[in-house]
Amino acid sequence: MEIEGKVKLIGETQSFGSNGFRKRELVVTTDEQYPQHIMVEFVQDKCDLLNTYAVGQDVKVSINLRGREWTNPQGQVKYFNSIQGWRIEGASQGAPAAGMPPVPPMEAFEPADNLNEEDHDDLPF
């Protein structure tokens, strides 16, 4: 699954326990009629993927939904869900189709009315 939106928050990397478990949180605000603030966890080596991103940047995050069951000391069973990110990339508006080179800006082209008459040739070969 994927989530697209604007980065609202990038948390600091947190370490837990003596085994070195690491977690980092990212909040993405979706761009829809009723924007949602989705918190995505990046764990272990995936924490470093967030180093090159900043608040306000448009991103596309690949996620997995995770669920787990837990029984408390009183014997009640509870369920917890989490959203784990495993890839993040910048989302550019109007990105070119796959395999297509980017189109240069209009300023890179010379206007047609600047052609010299002597450069003009009627023959197609």
N, C-alpha and C. Protein backbone atom coordinates (compact mmCIF):
# COMPACT_ATOMS: atom_id res chain seq x y z
N MET A 1 0.84 -1.17 0.00
CA MET A 1 0.00 0.00 0.00
C MET A 1 0.89 1.24 0.00
N GLU A 2 0.30 2.34 -0.40
CA GLU A 2 1.04 3.61 -0.42
C GLU A 2 0.19 4.74 0.15
N ILE A 3 0.88 5.69 0.76
CA ILE A 3 0.25 6.91 1.26
C ILE A 3 0.97 8.07 0.60
N GLU A 4 0.20 9.02 0.05
CA GLU A 4 0.80 10.22 -0.53
C GLU A 4 0.32 11.43 0.24
N GLY A 5 1.23 12.38 0.44
CA GLY A 5 0.86 13.60 1.14
C GLY A 5 2.06 14.45 1.45
N LYS A 6 1.88 15.38 2.37
CA LYS A 6 2.92 16.32 2.75
C LYS A 6 3.44 15.96 4.13
N VAL A 7 4.77 16.00 4.30
CA VAL A 7 5.37 15.69 5.59
C VAL A 7 4.98 16.76 6.60
N LYS A 8 4.35 16.32 7.69
CA LYS A 8 3.97 17.24 8.77
C LYS A 8 4.99 17.21 9.90
N LEU A 9 5.56 16.02 10.17
CA LEU A 9 6.49 15.87 11.28
C LEU A 9 7.42 14.70 11.02
N ILE A 10 8.69 14.88 11.36
CA ILE A 10 9.66 13.79 11.34
C ILE A 10 10.25 13.72 12.73
N GLY A 11 10.01 12.62 13.43
CA GLY A 11 10.49 12.46 14.79
C GLY A 11 11.96 12.06 14.83
N GLU A 12 12.53 12.17 16.00
CA GLU A 12 13.90 11.72 16.24
C GLU A 12 13.92 10.20 16.34
N THR A 13 15.06 9.59 16.05
CA THR A 13 15.21 8.15 16.20
C THR A 13 15.24 7.81 17.69
N GLN A 14 14.42 6.85 18.09
CA GLN A 14 14.36 6.40 19.48
C GLN A 14 14.92 4.99 19.57
N SER A 15 15.66 4.71 20.63
CA SER A 15 16.19 3.37 20.87
C SER A 15 15.52 2.78 22.10
N PHE A 16 15.22 1.47 22.04
CA PHE A 16 14.54 0.79 23.13
C PHE A 16 15.29 -0.48 23.50
N GLY A 17 15.40 -0.74 24.78
CA GLY A 17 15.98 -1.99 25.28
C GLY A 17 17.47 -2.10 25.03
N SER A 18 18.02 -3.21 25.50
CA SER A 18 19.46 -3.44 25.38
C SER A 18 19.85 -4.04 24.04
N ASN A 19 18.85 -4.50 23.26
CA ASN A 19 19.16 -5.10 21.97
C ASN A 19 19.28 -4.07 20.84
N GLY A 20 19.06 -2.78 21.12
CA GLY A 20 19.25 -1.73 20.13
C GLY A 20 18.10 -1.55 19.16
N PHE A 21 16.87 -1.92 19.54
CA PHE A 21 15.72 -1.70 18.66
C PHE A 21 15.53 -0.20 18.44
N ARG A 22 15.40 0.21 17.17
CA ARG A 22 15.24 1.63 16.83
C ARG A 22 13.91 1.85 16.13
N LYS A 23 13.33 3.05 16.40
CA LYS A 23 12.05 3.42 15.78
C LYS A 23 12.07 4.93 15.52
N ARG A 24 11.47 5.33 14.40
CA ARG A 24 11.35 6.75 14.06
C ARG A 24 9.97 6.96 13.46
N GLU A 25 9.30 8.04 13.86
CA GLU A 25 7.94 8.29 13.41
C GLU A 25 7.89 9.43 12.39
N LEU A 26 7.02 9.26 11.42
CA LEU A 26 6.76 10.24 10.37
C LEU A 26 5.26 10.48 10.33
N VAL A 27 4.85 11.75 10.26
CA VAL A 27 3.43 12.07 10.11
C VAL A 27 3.25 12.69 8.72
N VAL A 28 2.36 12.09 7.94
CA VAL A 28 2.05 12.56 6.58
C VAL A 28 0.61 13.05 6.57
N THR A 29 0.39 14.26 6.06
CA THR A 29 -0.95 14.81 5.90
C THR A 29 -1.40 14.59 4.47
N THR A 30 -2.50 13.86 4.32
CA THR A 30 -3.00 13.54 2.97
C THR A 30 -3.65 14.78 2.35
N ASP A 31 -3.72 14.79 1.02
CA ASP A 31 -4.32 15.90 0.28
C ASP A 31 -5.65 15.42 -0.29
N GLU A 32 -6.70 15.57 0.50
CA GLU A 32 -8.03 15.15 0.08
C GLU A 32 -9.05 16.07 0.73
N GLN A 33 -10.33 15.86 0.46
CA GLN A 33 -11.36 16.76 0.99
C GLN A 33 -11.27 16.87 2.52
N TYR A 34 -11.06 15.76 3.19
CA TYR A 34 -10.88 15.76 4.64
C TYR A 34 -9.49 15.20 4.93
N PRO A 35 -8.47 16.08 4.96
CA PRO A 35 -7.08 15.60 5.15
C PRO A 35 -6.92 14.79 6.43
N GLN A 36 -6.13 13.74 6.31
CA GLN A 36 -5.84 12.86 7.44
C GLN A 36 -4.37 13.00 7.81
N HIS A 37 -4.09 12.93 9.10
CA HIS A 37 -2.71 12.97 9.59
C HIS A 37 -2.34 11.54 9.96
N ILE A 38 -1.57 10.89 9.10
CA ILE A 38 -1.24 9.48 9.25
C ILE A 38 0.16 9.34 9.83
N MET A 39 0.27 8.63 10.98
CA MET A 39 1.56 8.39 11.59
C MET A 39 2.10 7.05 11.09
N VAL A 40 3.31 7.08 10.56
CA VAL A 40 3.96 5.90 10.01
C VAL A 40 5.24 5.66 10.80
N GLU A 41 5.46 4.42 11.22
CA GLU A 41 6.68 4.06 11.94
C GLU A 41 7.69 3.47 10.98
N PHE A 42 8.93 3.90 11.11
CA PHE A 42 10.04 3.27 10.41
C PHE A 42 10.90 2.63 11.49
N VAL A 43 11.28 1.36 11.32
CA VAL A 43 12.03 0.66 12.36
C VAL A 43 13.37 0.16 11.83
N GLN A 44 14.30 -0.02 12.79
CA GLN A 44 15.63 -0.54 12.55
C GLN A 44 16.36 0.24 11.45
N ASP A 45 16.87 -0.42 10.42
CA ASP A 45 17.65 0.25 9.38
C ASP A 45 16.81 1.19 8.52
N LYS A 46 15.49 1.06 8.54
CA LYS A 46 14.61 1.93 7.75
C LYS A 46 14.52 3.34 8.35
N CYS A 47 14.93 3.52 9.61
CA CYS A 47 14.92 4.85 10.24
C CYS A 47 15.75 5.85 9.43
N ASP A 48 16.85 5.38 8.87
CA ASP A 48 17.76 6.27 8.13
C ASP A 48 17.16 6.77 6.82
N LEU A 49 16.10 6.15 6.32
CA LEU A 49 15.47 6.59 5.07
C LEU A 49 14.90 8.01 5.21
N LEU A 50 14.60 8.43 6.44
CA LEU A 50 13.97 9.74 6.65
C LEU A 50 14.99 10.88 6.71
N ASN A 51 16.28 10.57 6.72
CA ASN A 51 17.31 11.60 6.89
C ASN A 51 17.30 12.67 5.82
N THR A 52 16.89 12.36 4.61
CA THR A 52 16.97 13.32 3.50
C THR A 52 15.65 14.05 3.23
N TYR A 53 14.67 13.88 4.11
CA TYR A 53 13.37 14.51 3.90
C TYR A 53 13.14 15.60 4.94
N ALA A 54 12.26 16.56 4.60
CA ALA A 54 12.01 17.71 5.48
C ALA A 54 10.51 17.97 5.59
N VAL A 55 10.13 18.67 6.64
CA VAL A 55 8.74 19.06 6.85
C VAL A 55 8.29 19.91 5.66
N GLY A 56 7.08 19.64 5.16
CA GLY A 56 6.53 20.39 4.04
C GLY A 56 6.76 19.74 2.69
N GLN A 57 7.58 18.73 2.64
CA GLN A 57 7.90 18.07 1.38
C GLN A 57 6.81 17.07 1.01
N ASP A 58 6.46 17.00 -0.29
CA ASP A 58 5.50 16.02 -0.78
C ASP A 58 6.20 14.68 -0.92
N VAL A 59 5.57 13.62 -0.37
CA VAL A 59 6.19 12.29 -0.39
C VAL A 59 5.17 11.22 -0.73
N LYS A 60 5.70 10.08 -1.14
CA LYS A 60 4.91 8.86 -1.32
C LYS A 60 5.60 7.80 -0.46
N VAL A 61 4.84 7.22 0.48
CA VAL A 61 5.39 6.27 1.44
C VAL A 61 4.77 4.90 1.19
N SER A 62 5.61 3.89 1.01
CA SER A 62 5.14 2.52 0.89
C SER A 62 5.03 1.94 2.30
N ILE A 63 3.88 1.33 2.60
CA ILE A 63 3.61 0.88 3.97
C ILE A 63 3.13 -0.57 4.01
N ASN A 64 3.25 -1.14 5.20
CA ASN A 64 2.62 -2.42 5.55
C ASN A 64 1.78 -2.19 6.79
N LEU A 65 0.58 -2.77 6.82
CA LEU A 65 -0.25 -2.72 8.02
C LEU A 65 0.13 -3.91 8.89
N ARG A 66 0.35 -3.66 10.17
CA ARG A 66 0.72 -4.71 11.11
C ARG A 66 -0.31 -4.77 12.23
N GLY A 67 -0.65 -5.96 12.69
CA GLY A 67 -1.58 -6.15 13.79
C GLY A 67 -1.03 -7.20 14.74
N ARG A 68 -1.33 -7.04 16.03
CA ARG A 68 -0.87 -8.02 17.00
C ARG A 68 -1.90 -8.17 18.12
N GLU A 69 -1.84 -9.33 18.73
CA GLU A 69 -2.73 -9.66 19.84
C GLU A 69 -1.93 -9.66 21.13
N TRP A 70 -2.54 -9.16 22.21
CA TRP A 70 -1.87 -9.11 23.51
C TRP A 70 -2.88 -9.46 24.59
N THR A 71 -2.46 -10.29 25.52
CA THR A 71 -3.31 -10.65 26.65
C THR A 71 -2.76 -9.99 27.90
N ASN A 72 -3.57 -9.16 28.56
CA ASN A 72 -3.11 -8.46 29.76
C ASN A 72 -3.10 -9.41 30.96
N PRO A 73 -2.53 -8.99 32.09
CA PRO A 73 -2.44 -9.87 33.26
C PRO A 73 -3.81 -10.34 33.78
N GLN A 74 -4.88 -9.61 33.49
CA GLN A 74 -6.22 -10.01 33.92
C GLN A 74 -6.86 -11.01 32.95
N GLY A 75 -6.17 -11.35 31.86
CA GLY A 75 -6.66 -12.33 30.90
C GLY A 75 -7.46 -11.74 29.76
N GLN A 76 -7.58 -10.42 29.69
CA GLN A 76 -8.31 -9.79 28.59
C GLN A 76 -7.41 -9.73 27.36
N VAL A 77 -7.99 -10.07 26.21
CA VAL A 77 -7.25 -10.02 24.95
C VAL A 77 -7.50 -8.66 24.30
N LYS A 78 -6.41 -8.02 23.89
CA LYS A 78 -6.48 -6.72 23.20
C LYS A 78 -5.75 -6.83 21.88
N TYR A 79 -6.15 -5.97 20.93
CA TYR A 79 -5.54 -5.97 19.60
C TYR A 79 -4.98 -4.59 19.30
N PHE A 80 -3.81 -4.55 18.68
CA PHE A 80 -3.15 -3.30 18.33
C PHE A 80 -2.76 -3.33 16.86
N ASN A 81 -2.88 -2.18 16.22
CA ASN A 81 -2.47 -2.03 14.82
C ASN A 81 -1.36 -1.00 14.72
N SER A 82 -0.52 -1.16 13.71
CA SER A 82 0.51 -0.16 13.44
C SER A 82 0.71 -0.08 11.93
N ILE A 83 1.24 1.04 11.50
CA ILE A 83 1.55 1.27 10.09
C ILE A 83 3.06 1.39 9.99
N GLN A 84 3.70 0.47 9.28
CA GLN A 84 5.15 0.48 9.16
C GLN A 84 5.55 0.87 7.74
N GLY A 85 6.43 1.87 7.66
CA GLY A 85 6.96 2.28 6.36
C GLY A 85 8.20 1.49 6.00
N TRP A 86 8.35 1.20 4.73
CA TRP A 86 9.54 0.49 4.28
C TRP A 86 10.22 1.17 3.09
N ARG A 87 9.55 2.18 2.52
CA ARG A 87 10.16 2.96 1.44
C ARG A 87 9.51 4.33 1.44
N ILE A 88 10.31 5.36 1.08
CA ILE A 88 9.79 6.72 0.95
C ILE A 88 10.48 7.36 -0.24
N GLU A 89 9.71 8.12 -1.00
CA GLU A 89 10.28 8.85 -2.14
C GLU A 89 9.55 10.17 -2.29
N GLY A 90 10.25 11.13 -2.86
CA GLY A 90 9.64 12.43 -3.12
C GLY A 90 8.56 12.29 -4.17
N ALA A 91 7.44 12.94 -3.96
CA ALA A 91 6.34 12.90 -4.92
C ALA A 91 6.32 14.24 -5.63
N SER A 92 6.64 14.25 -6.92
CA SER A 92 6.64 15.50 -7.67
C SER A 92 5.35 15.61 -8.45
N GLN A 93 4.79 16.79 -8.47
CA GLN A 93 3.56 17.03 -9.23
C GLN A 93 3.90 16.99 -10.71
N GLY A 94 3.11 16.25 -11.48
CA GLY A 94 3.33 16.17 -12.91
C GLY A 94 4.60 15.44 -13.26
N ALA A 95 4.92 14.39 -12.56
CA ALA A 95 6.13 13.62 -12.83
C ALA A 95 6.01 12.98 -14.21
N PRO A 96 7.12 12.88 -14.95
CA PRO A 96 7.06 12.26 -16.27
C PRO A 96 6.74 10.77 -16.16
N ALA A 97 6.15 10.23 -17.21
CA ALA A 97 5.84 8.81 -17.22
C ALA A 97 7.13 8.01 -17.19
N ALA A 98 7.04 6.78 -16.71
CA ALA A 98 8.22 5.93 -16.59
C ALA A 98 8.86 5.74 -17.96
N GLY A 99 10.17 5.90 -18.03
CA GLY A 99 10.90 5.71 -19.27
C GLY A 99 10.95 6.94 -20.16
N MET A 100 10.22 7.99 -19.82
CA MET A 100 10.21 9.20 -20.63
C MET A 100 11.20 10.21 -20.05
N PRO A 101 12.04 10.81 -20.89
CA PRO A 101 12.95 11.82 -20.38
C PRO A 101 12.19 13.09 -20.02
N PRO A 102 12.70 13.88 -19.09
CA PRO A 102 12.01 15.12 -18.73
C PRO A 102 12.06 16.13 -19.87
N VAL A 103 11.03 16.94 -19.99
CA VAL A 103 10.95 17.96 -21.03
C VAL A 103 11.64 19.23 -20.53
N PRO A 104 12.59 19.79 -21.32
CA PRO A 104 13.25 21.02 -20.88
C PRO A 104 12.26 22.19 -20.81
N PRO A 105 12.57 23.21 -20.00
CA PRO A 105 11.66 24.37 -19.93
C PRO A 105 11.63 25.12 -21.25
N MET A 106 10.58 25.91 -21.46
CA MET A 106 10.39 26.65 -22.71
C MET A 106 11.58 27.56 -23.03
N GLU A 107 12.24 28.09 -21.98
CA GLU A 107 13.37 29.00 -22.21
C GLU A 107 14.53 28.32 -22.92
N ALA A 108 14.56 27.00 -22.93
CA ALA A 108 15.66 26.26 -23.56
C ALA A 108 15.51 26.21 -25.09
N PHE A 109 14.34 26.56 -25.60
CA PHE A 109 14.10 26.49 -27.03
C PHE A 109 14.24 27.86 -27.67
N GLU A 110 14.79 27.87 -28.88
CA GLU A 110 14.96 29.11 -29.64
C GLU A 110 13.66 29.42 -30.39
N PRO A 111 13.21 30.68 -30.38
CA PRO A 111 11.99 31.02 -31.12
C PRO A 111 12.16 30.78 -32.61
N ALA A 112 11.09 30.36 -33.28
CA ALA A 112 11.14 30.03 -34.70
C ALA A 112 11.35 31.27 -35.57
N ASP A 113 10.94 32.46 -35.14
CA ASP A 113 11.07 33.66 -35.97
C ASP A 113 12.52 34.17 -36.04
N ASN A 114 13.46 33.57 -35.33
CA ASN A 114 14.86 33.99 -35.38
C ASN A 114 15.66 33.22 -36.42
N LEU A 115 15.00 32.41 -37.26
CA LEU A 115 15.73 31.64 -38.26
C LEU A 115 16.22 32.55 -39.39
N ASN A 116 17.44 32.31 -39.85
CA ASN A 116 17.97 33.05 -41.00
C ASN A 116 17.38 32.48 -42.27
N GLU A 117 17.13 33.35 -43.24
CA GLU A 117 16.55 32.91 -44.51
C GLU A 117 17.50 31.97 -45.24
N GLU A 118 18.79 32.18 -45.13
CA GLU A 118 19.74 31.32 -45.84
C GLU A 118 19.84 29.94 -45.21
N ASP A 119 19.38 29.77 -43.96
CA ASP A 119 19.37 28.45 -43.34
C ASP A 119 18.16 27.63 -43.79
N HIS A 120 17.22 28.30 -44.46
CA HIS A 120 15.98 27.63 -44.85
C HIS A 120 16.23 26.75 -46.07
N ASP A 121 15.70 25.54 -46.04
CA ASP A 121 15.85 24.60 -47.12
C ASP A 121 14.51 23.92 -47.35
N ASP A 122 13.98 24.00 -48.60
CA ASP A 122 12.69 23.42 -48.92
C ASP A 122 12.73 21.92 -49.09
N LEU A 123 13.91 21.37 -49.34
CA LEU A 123 14.00 19.94 -49.59
C LEU A 123 14.02 19.15 -48.27
N PRO A 124 13.23 18.09 -48.20
CA PRO A 124 13.19 17.30 -46.97
C PRO A 124 14.37 16.37 -46.79
N PHE A 125 15.31 16.30 -47.80
CA PHE A 125 16.45 15.39 -47.70
C PHE A 125 17.72 16.09 -48.10
